[in-house]
Amino acid sequence: MNSAARTDLLGAHRTEALARAQYRSLRSLAELPDHTALWPTHGAGSFCSAVQGDERTSTIGAQKQSNPLLAAPDEDTFVRQLVAGLGAYPGYFDRLAEANRRGSAVLTSAPLLPALDAGQVKALPASGGQVVDVRTAADYAAGHIPGALIASVSDHAHPAWHANALGTYRFWRDIGYAAGALVAGILADAFGLNATVIAAAVLTAGSGLLVARWITEHPTHR
């Protein structure tokens, strides 16, 4: 919306030729009735747009009024304006065309990950790697590699503990929603908005502490 697709993603050597082709394409589209709806194939803010915007839908008539590229008097002006509006884009975009041309590799079996010894794991963060600890939260808290990330409620936990932890969280969460709404209404009527905000904060913190304490005191459910 209010722009056009960028033409530099296939390489600088094709930018101008594609921009000229796009000029002819847009002029053809502009001949459609003004009420014709436009639904872009890329969402608002996409890097695939020459100039990022925030509109999601439009019409031919609206774009004739607001799109500066459609107001360009000739092809050369259009190309200059389009190219001048091209900004930065993620580096992997340069590899997309060739990757799509080759297609995905066919895997005949699950790929095997090479084993790492303790020294290699320790050296990973220094070389830009990231260690993810997939053990349970209690095991992580008991000891872990400095800088390692924890996978929340790990899929490697025992299924019974996994279900129990999620059920407990959702139970207290829903009770908190219901109780919070009731108490907030009563306090707002009796004491005003400020007291209500303070009470809601205290209740939220209290319910969170209760859940954390319950999970900590029931390690046998892991």
Protein backbone atom coordinates (compact mmCIF):
# COMPACT_ATOMS: atom_id res chain seq x y z
CA MET A 1 0.00 0.00 0.00
CA ASN A 2 1.27 3.48 -0.97
CA SER A 3 4.34 1.82 -2.44
CA ALA A 4 5.31 -1.09 -4.69
CA ALA A 5 7.27 -4.31 -4.45
CA ARG A 6 11.02 -3.81 -4.21
CA THR A 7 13.00 -4.89 -7.26
CA ASP A 8 16.45 -5.41 -5.77
CA LEU A 9 15.99 -8.81 -4.11
CA LEU A 10 17.28 -10.73 -7.14
CA GLY A 11 20.50 -8.72 -7.29
CA ALA A 12 21.57 -5.17 -8.10
CA HIS A 13 22.12 -6.07 -11.76
CA ARG A 14 18.38 -6.70 -12.20
CA THR A 15 17.00 -3.87 -10.07
CA GLU A 16 16.42 -1.32 -12.82
CA ALA A 17 15.05 -3.78 -15.39
CA LEU A 18 12.54 -5.14 -12.87
CA ALA A 19 11.59 -1.61 -11.80
CA ARG A 20 10.77 -0.72 -15.42
CA ALA A 21 8.72 -3.90 -15.80
CA GLN A 22 6.88 -3.01 -12.60
CA TYR A 23 6.07 0.46 -13.91
CA ARG A 24 4.26 -1.08 -16.87
CA SER A 25 2.48 -3.55 -14.60
CA LEU A 26 1.26 -0.84 -12.23
CA ARG A 27 0.07 1.37 -15.06
CA SER A 28 -2.00 -1.56 -16.29
CA LEU A 29 -3.47 -2.14 -12.83
CA ALA A 30 -4.29 1.56 -12.49
CA GLU A 31 -6.73 1.20 -15.41
CA LEU A 32 -9.01 -1.01 -13.30
CA PRO A 33 -12.16 0.58 -11.80
CA ASP A 34 -11.51 2.79 -8.78
CA HIS A 35 -13.63 0.59 -6.50
CA THR A 36 -11.44 -2.48 -7.19
CA ALA A 37 -10.23 -3.85 -3.84
CA LEU A 38 -6.53 -4.45 -3.22
CA TRP A 39 -5.36 -7.21 -0.89
CA PRO A 40 -1.54 -7.28 -0.80
CA THR A 41 0.20 -10.65 -0.73
CA HIS A 42 2.55 -9.31 1.96
CA GLY A 43 1.42 -7.83 5.26
CA ALA A 44 1.97 -4.25 6.36
CA GLY A 45 5.61 -3.52 7.17
CA SER A 46 6.98 -6.33 4.98
CA PHE A 47 10.59 -6.03 3.82
CA CYS A 48 9.31 -6.96 0.35
CA SER A 49 7.83 -3.48 0.00
CA ALA A 50 9.98 -0.63 -1.31
CA VAL A 51 8.61 1.67 1.40
CA GLN A 52 7.11 0.11 4.53
CA GLY A 53 3.61 1.17 5.55
CA ASP A 54 0.86 0.14 7.93
CA GLU A 55 -2.21 -0.29 5.68
CA ARG A 56 -3.57 -3.78 5.02
CA THR A 57 -6.18 -3.13 2.34
CA SER A 58 -7.02 -0.39 -0.13
CA THR A 59 -8.65 0.28 -3.51
CA ILE A 60 -7.35 1.33 -6.91
CA GLY A 61 -8.97 4.75 -6.47
CA ALA A 62 -7.40 5.31 -3.05
CA GLN A 63 -3.97 4.33 -4.34
CA LYS A 64 -4.26 6.76 -7.24
CA GLN A 65 -4.70 9.50 -4.65
CA SER A 66 -2.08 8.41 -2.09
CA ASN A 67 0.58 6.29 -3.81
CA PRO A 68 3.45 8.57 -4.93
CA LEU A 69 4.75 5.95 -7.36
CA LEU A 70 1.46 5.97 -9.27
CA ALA A 71 1.79 9.75 -9.55
CA ALA A 72 5.16 9.51 -11.31
CA PRO A 73 4.79 11.30 -14.66
CA ASP A 74 6.94 8.86 -16.63
CA GLU A 75 8.89 5.59 -16.41
CA ASP A 76 12.27 7.15 -15.65
CA THR A 77 10.86 9.16 -12.74
CA PHE A 78 9.11 6.07 -11.42
CA VAL A 79 12.37 4.07 -11.48
CA ARG A 80 14.30 6.84 -9.69
CA GLN A 81 11.66 7.16 -6.97
CA LEU A 82 11.35 3.41 -6.47
CA VAL A 83 15.10 2.76 -6.26
CA ALA A 84 15.62 5.75 -3.95
CA GLY A 85 13.09 4.31 -1.50
CA LEU A 86 14.77 0.91 -1.20
CA GLY A 87 16.03 0.32 2.32
CA ALA A 88 17.93 -2.44 4.08
CA TYR A 89 16.67 -6.01 4.27
CA PRO A 90 17.77 -9.17 6.13
CA GLY A 91 20.89 -10.79 4.72
CA TYR A 92 19.23 -14.16 4.16
CA PHE A 93 17.05 -12.58 1.45
CA ASP A 94 20.07 -12.78 -0.85
CA ARG A 95 20.05 -16.57 -0.55
CA LEU A 96 16.32 -17.15 -0.92
CA ALA A 97 16.08 -17.21 -4.72
CA GLU A 98 18.80 -19.84 -5.12
CA ALA A 99 17.49 -21.88 -2.18
CA ASN A 100 13.99 -21.88 -3.67
CA ARG A 101 15.36 -22.79 -7.09
CA ARG A 102 17.22 -25.82 -5.70
CA GLY A 103 14.31 -26.91 -3.53
CA SER A 104 14.44 -28.68 -0.20
CA ALA A 105 16.79 -31.56 0.39
CA VAL A 106 15.13 -34.96 0.77
CA LEU A 107 15.94 -36.64 4.08
CA THR A 108 15.78 -40.43 4.11
CA SER A 109 16.33 -40.61 7.85
CA ALA A 110 16.57 -38.38 10.89
CA PRO A 111 19.84 -36.39 10.82
CA LEU A 112 22.29 -37.30 13.57
CA LEU A 113 23.75 -34.55 15.71
CA PRO A 114 27.45 -34.86 16.51
CA ALA A 115 28.26 -35.53 20.15
CA LEU A 116 29.99 -32.72 22.05
CA ASP A 117 32.31 -33.16 25.01
CA ALA A 118 32.26 -30.87 28.05
CA GLY A 119 35.00 -28.65 26.67
CA GLN A 120 33.19 -28.07 23.38
CA VAL A 121 29.94 -27.19 25.15
CA LYS A 122 31.76 -24.78 27.44
CA ALA A 123 33.35 -23.05 24.44
CA LEU A 124 30.11 -22.65 22.48
CA PRO A 125 28.88 -19.33 24.02
CA ALA A 126 32.26 -17.69 23.37
CA SER A 127 32.02 -18.54 19.66
CA GLY A 128 28.46 -17.24 19.26
CA GLY A 129 26.64 -20.48 20.06
CA GLN A 130 23.74 -20.87 22.47
CA VAL A 131 23.21 -23.70 24.95
CA VAL A 132 19.58 -24.66 25.66
CA ASP A 133 18.93 -26.76 28.78
CA VAL A 134 15.90 -29.01 28.20
CA ARG A 135 15.78 -30.49 31.70
CA THR A 136 13.10 -29.66 34.24
CA ALA A 137 13.10 -26.33 36.03
CA ALA A 138 14.16 -27.95 39.32
CA ASP A 139 17.16 -29.68 37.71
CA TYR A 140 18.14 -26.43 36.00
CA ALA A 141 17.93 -24.56 39.30
CA ALA A 142 20.12 -27.20 41.00
CA GLY A 143 22.93 -26.55 38.52
CA HIS A 144 23.45 -25.61 34.90
CA ILE A 145 26.03 -24.32 32.42
CA PRO A 146 26.48 -20.55 32.89
CA GLY A 147 24.55 -18.68 30.23
CA ALA A 148 22.41 -21.67 29.24
CA LEU A 149 18.76 -20.94 28.43
CA ILE A 150 16.03 -23.02 30.04
CA ALA A 151 13.21 -24.50 27.97
CA SER A 152 10.06 -23.65 29.93
CA VAL A 153 8.09 -26.74 30.99
CA SER A 154 10.32 -28.99 28.93
CA ASP A 155 8.76 -31.53 26.60
CA HIS A 156 11.31 -33.98 28.03
CA ALA A 157 9.68 -33.81 31.45
CA HIS A 158 7.53 -36.69 32.61
CA PRO A 159 4.08 -36.39 30.92
CA ALA A 160 2.28 -36.57 34.27
CA TRP A 161 4.33 -33.71 35.70
CA HIS A 162 3.93 -31.75 32.46
CA ALA A 163 0.13 -32.05 32.58
CA ASN A 164 0.03 -31.40 36.32
CA ALA A 165 2.07 -28.20 36.05
CA LEU A 166 -0.01 -26.84 33.17
CA GLY A 167 -3.26 -27.75 34.90
CA THR A 168 -2.17 -26.06 38.12
CA TYR A 169 -1.15 -22.91 36.27
CA ARG A 170 -4.41 -22.68 34.34
CA PHE A 171 -6.49 -23.41 37.44
CA TRP A 172 -4.93 -20.57 39.42
CA ARG A 173 -4.93 -18.30 36.39
CA ASP A 174 -8.68 -18.70 35.80
CA ILE A 175 -9.46 -18.29 39.50
CA GLY A 176 -7.33 -15.17 39.48
CA TYR A 177 -9.24 -13.74 36.51
CA ALA A 178 -12.62 -14.37 38.12
CA ALA A 179 -11.65 -13.21 41.61
CA GLY A 180 -9.77 -10.22 40.25
CA ALA A 181 -12.74 -9.00 38.24
CA LEU A 182 -15.07 -9.36 41.23
CA VAL A 183 -12.76 -7.68 43.72
CA ALA A 184 -11.82 -4.93 41.26
CA GLY A 185 -15.47 -4.00 40.78
CA ILE A 186 -16.12 -3.88 44.53
CA LEU A 187 -13.01 -1.83 45.29
CA ALA A 188 -13.62 0.59 42.44
CA ASP A 189 -17.08 1.36 43.79
CA ALA A 190 -15.90 1.66 47.38
CA PHE A 191 -12.44 3.24 47.21
CA GLY A 192 -11.81 4.51 43.69
CA LEU A 193 -9.50 3.58 40.83
CA ASN A 194 -6.12 4.05 42.56
CA ALA A 195 -6.91 1.62 45.37
CA THR A 196 -8.21 -0.86 42.80
CA VAL A 197 -4.95 -0.80 40.81
CA ILE A 198 -2.88 -1.36 43.96
CA ALA A 199 -5.07 -4.23 45.10
CA ALA A 200 -4.92 -5.88 41.68
CA ALA A 201 -1.12 -5.72 41.72
CA VAL A 202 -0.97 -7.30 45.18
CA LEU A 203 -3.38 -10.08 44.23
CA THR A 204 -1.45 -10.83 41.03
CA ALA A 205 1.85 -11.07 42.88
CA GLY A 206 0.28 -13.18 45.63
CA SER A 207 -1.25 -15.70 43.26
CA GLY A 208 2.05 -16.04 41.39
CA LEU A 209 3.91 -16.73 44.64
CA LEU A 210 1.34 -19.35 45.62
CA VAL A 211 1.80 -21.24 42.35
CA ALA A 212 5.58 -21.05 42.57
CA ARG A 213 5.52 -22.34 46.15
CA TRP A 214 3.18 -25.21 45.30
CA ILE A 215 5.36 -26.41 42.41
CA THR A 216 8.50 -26.11 44.54
CA GLU A 217 6.95 -28.12 47.40
CA HIS A 218 5.77 -30.95 45.12
CA PRO A 219 8.91 -32.19 43.34
CA THR A 220 7.64 -35.78 43.35
CA HIS A 221 5.26 -34.89 40.51
CA ARG A 222 8.18 -34.46 38.07
